[in-house]
Each structure stands twice: as structure tokens, then as C-alpha cells.
């Protein structure tokens, strides 16, 4: 572990930590084991282009879920417990 170790992680936020009410542009950085363990969900995310380093727009829903919007792909809505497991970096 040298200088800067973990510095990249300092910029990461969970989808559930983003402000609600307006679309937010982010880069997907990490899909945690919780998401990876749900084969159906991970397949939907990959089909929609939601993979690490993908730039997407997210909108937080009033119920705590999050909708991921990627032009040219079908929107993906995640319930709060799954959105919590996706880490992103604001752009």
C-alpha cells in the first residue's frame, strides 16, 4: 500500500446516496457481490450497457429505487437494496 491507496474509492458513492429529483451523470465503477450474485439482474444490467466504466444517467425515484438511463438502451430500474450495491463516480 503506497501513497494514494484507496484514493480512487474516496470519490465513489452508492446510487442510493445521489440526490433525488434531477438526473445525475455518473460513471459506473463497481457492481458489488450483492448485484453480481443476482444472475437475472446482472444480465439485465449488462444488456443495458451498465458495466464498470460506463457513463450513465441516473434518477432517484421517490420510493428509494433508482432508474439508470442509457441512450439507445432500455432503462433499468433498481430497487433500493440493489441500487445500494452499485458504486459510481459523479462526472
C-alpha atoms as a PDB file:
ATOM      1  CA  UNK A   1       0.000   0.000   0.000  1.00  0.00           C
ATOM      2  CA  UNK A   2       1.573   3.212  -1.135  1.00  0.00           C
ATOM      3  CA  UNK A   3       0.501   6.826  -1.279  1.00  0.00           C
ATOM      4  CA  UNK A   4      -2.864   7.248  -2.888  1.00  0.00           C
ATOM      5  CA  UNK A   5      -4.041   3.802  -1.842  1.00  0.00           C
ATOM      6  CA  UNK A   6      -7.810   3.929  -1.740  1.00  0.00           C
ATOM      7  CA  UNK A   7      -7.877   7.499  -3.049  1.00  0.00           C
ATOM      8  CA  UNK A   8      -9.951   6.398  -6.024  1.00  0.00           C
ATOM      9  CA  UNK A   9     -12.537   4.875  -3.683  1.00  0.00           C
ATOM     10  CA  UNK A  10     -12.917   8.229  -1.928  1.00  0.00           C
ATOM     11  CA  UNK A  11     -14.780   9.591  -4.957  1.00  0.00           C
ATOM     12  CA  UNK A  12     -17.228   6.695  -5.099  1.00  0.00           C
ATOM     13  CA  UNK A  13     -20.816   6.953  -3.929  1.00  0.00           C
ATOM     14  CA  UNK A  14     -23.612   4.430  -3.869  1.00  0.00           C
ATOM     15  CA  UNK A  15     -26.522   5.031  -6.234  1.00  0.00           C
ATOM     16  CA  UNK A  16     -28.749   5.455  -3.178  1.00  0.00           C
ATOM     17  CA  UNK A  17     -26.592   8.371  -1.971  1.00  0.00           C
ATOM     18  CA  UNK A  18     -27.227  10.511  -5.049  1.00  0.00           C
ATOM     19  CA  UNK A  19     -29.625  13.456  -4.738  1.00  0.00           C
ATOM     20  CA  UNK A  20     -33.175  12.833  -5.870  1.00  0.00           C
ATOM     21  CA  UNK A  21     -35.274  14.981  -8.129  1.00  0.00           C
ATOM     22  CA  UNK A  22     -32.873  15.520 -11.010  1.00  0.00           C
ATOM     23  CA  UNK A  23     -30.910  13.267 -13.376  1.00  0.00           C
ATOM     24  CA  UNK A  24     -27.258  12.843 -12.379  1.00  0.00           C
ATOM     25  CA  UNK A  25     -24.480  11.846 -14.800  1.00  0.00           C
ATOM     26  CA  UNK A  26     -22.170   9.211 -13.336  1.00  0.00           C
ATOM     27  CA  UNK A  27     -19.610   6.604 -14.327  1.00  0.00           C
ATOM     28  CA  UNK A  28     -20.283   3.085 -13.055  1.00  0.00           C
ATOM     29  CA  UNK A  29     -17.254   1.983 -11.040  1.00  0.00           C
ATOM     30  CA  UNK A  30     -18.262  -1.097  -9.068  1.00  0.00           C
ATOM     31  CA  UNK A  31     -21.013  -3.695  -9.001  1.00  0.00           C
ATOM     32  CA  UNK A  32     -20.702  -5.368  -5.608  1.00  0.00           C
ATOM     33  CA  UNK A  33     -21.128  -9.077  -4.906  1.00  0.00           C
ATOM     34  CA  UNK A  34     -24.748  -8.447  -3.917  1.00  0.00           C
ATOM     35  CA  UNK A  35     -25.521  -7.419  -7.512  1.00  0.00           C
ATOM     36  CA  UNK A  36     -23.221  -9.996  -9.103  1.00  0.00           C
ATOM     37  CA  UNK A  37     -24.989 -12.775  -7.206  1.00  0.00           C
ATOM     38  CA  UNK A  38     -28.315 -11.939  -8.865  1.00  0.00           C
ATOM     39  CA  UNK A  39     -27.874 -13.551 -12.294  1.00  0.00           C
ATOM     40  CA  UNK A  40     -31.108 -12.109 -13.690  1.00  0.00           C
ATOM     41  CA  UNK A  41     -30.193  -8.589 -12.594  1.00  0.00           C
ATOM     42  CA  UNK A  42     -26.582  -8.722 -13.748  1.00  0.00           C
ATOM     43  CA  UNK A  43     -27.782  -9.949 -17.160  1.00  0.00           C
ATOM     44  CA  UNK A  44     -30.266  -7.062 -17.429  1.00  0.00           C
ATOM     45  CA  UNK A  45     -27.560  -4.586 -16.427  1.00  0.00           C
ATOM     46  CA  UNK A  46     -25.057  -5.947 -18.964  1.00  0.00           C
ATOM     47  CA  UNK A  47     -27.695  -5.989 -21.722  1.00  0.00           C
ATOM     48  CA  UNK A  48     -28.435  -2.326 -20.955  1.00  0.00           C
ATOM     49  CA  UNK A  49     -24.742  -1.411 -21.024  1.00  0.00           C
ATOM     50  CA  UNK A  50     -24.460  -0.893 -17.259  1.00  0.00           C
ATOM     51  CA  UNK A  51     -20.932  -2.208 -16.767  1.00  0.00           C
ATOM     52  CA  UNK A  52     -17.871  -0.808 -14.980  1.00  0.00           C
ATOM     53  CA  UNK A  53     -16.604   2.420 -16.590  1.00  0.00           C
ATOM     54  CA  UNK A  54     -19.885   3.012 -18.457  1.00  0.00           C
ATOM     55  CA  UNK A  55     -21.174   6.586 -18.358  1.00  0.00           C
ATOM     56  CA  UNK A  56     -24.870   6.635 -17.493  1.00  0.00           C
ATOM     57  CA  UNK A  57     -27.538   8.976 -16.173  1.00  0.00           C
ATOM     58  CA  UNK A  58     -29.407   8.009 -13.027  1.00  0.00           C
ATOM     59  CA  UNK A  59     -32.618   9.271 -11.494  1.00  0.00           C
ATOM     60  CA  UNK A  60     -33.578   8.510  -7.902  1.00  0.00           C
ATOM     61  CA  UNK A  61     -37.241   7.576  -7.502  1.00  0.00           C
ATOM     62  CA  UNK A  62     -39.417   8.734  -4.568  1.00  0.00           C
ATOM     63  CA  UNK A  63     -39.580   5.166  -3.224  1.00  0.00           C
ATOM     64  CA  UNK A  64     -35.792   4.932  -2.951  1.00  0.00           C
ATOM     65  CA  UNK A  65     -35.220   2.987  -6.146  1.00  0.00           C
ATOM     66  CA  UNK A  66     -33.005   4.250  -8.944  1.00  0.00           C
ATOM     67  CA  UNK A  67     -33.584   4.291 -12.701  1.00  0.00           C
ATOM     68  CA  UNK A  68     -30.486   4.042 -14.902  1.00  0.00           C
ATOM     69  CA  UNK A  69     -30.850   5.710 -18.301  1.00  0.00           C
ATOM     70  CA  UNK A  70     -28.531   4.957 -21.213  1.00  0.00           C
ATOM     71  CA  UNK A  71     -29.370   6.344 -24.673  1.00  0.00           C
ATOM     72  CA  UNK A  72     -30.113   3.542 -27.119  1.00  0.00           C
ATOM     73  CA  UNK A  73     -30.825   1.021 -24.353  1.00  0.00           C
ATOM     74  CA  UNK A  74     -33.803   0.091 -22.246  1.00  0.00           C
ATOM     75  CA  UNK A  75     -33.894   1.879 -18.887  1.00  0.00           C
ATOM     76  CA  UNK A  76     -33.146  -0.291 -15.857  1.00  0.00           C
ATOM     77  CA  UNK A  77     -34.866   0.406 -12.548  1.00  0.00           C
ATOM     78  CA  UNK A  78     -33.205  -0.975  -9.428  1.00  0.00           C
ATOM     79  CA  UNK A  79     -34.894  -1.376  -6.050  1.00  0.00           C
ATOM     80  CA  UNK A  80     -33.183   0.429  -3.155  1.00  0.00           C
ATOM     81  CA  UNK A  81     -31.378  -2.675  -1.863  1.00  0.00           C
ATOM     82  CA  UNK A  82     -29.774  -3.319  -5.273  1.00  0.00           C
ATOM     83  CA  UNK A  83     -29.078   0.362  -6.023  1.00  0.00           C
ATOM     84  CA  UNK A  84     -27.202   0.478  -2.708  1.00  0.00           C
ATOM     85  CA  UNK A  85     -24.820  -2.162  -4.092  1.00  0.00           C
ATOM     86  CA  UNK A  86     -23.780  -0.136  -7.168  1.00  0.00           C
ATOM     87  CA  UNK A  87     -20.928   2.330  -6.671  1.00  0.00           C
ATOM     88  CA  UNK A  88     -20.449   5.215  -9.079  1.00  0.00           C
ATOM     89  CA  UNK A  89     -18.389   8.351  -9.556  1.00  0.00           C
ATOM     90  CA  UNK A  90     -20.088  11.654 -10.384  1.00  0.00           C
ATOM     91  CA  UNK A  91     -18.927  13.344 -13.589  1.00  0.00           C
END
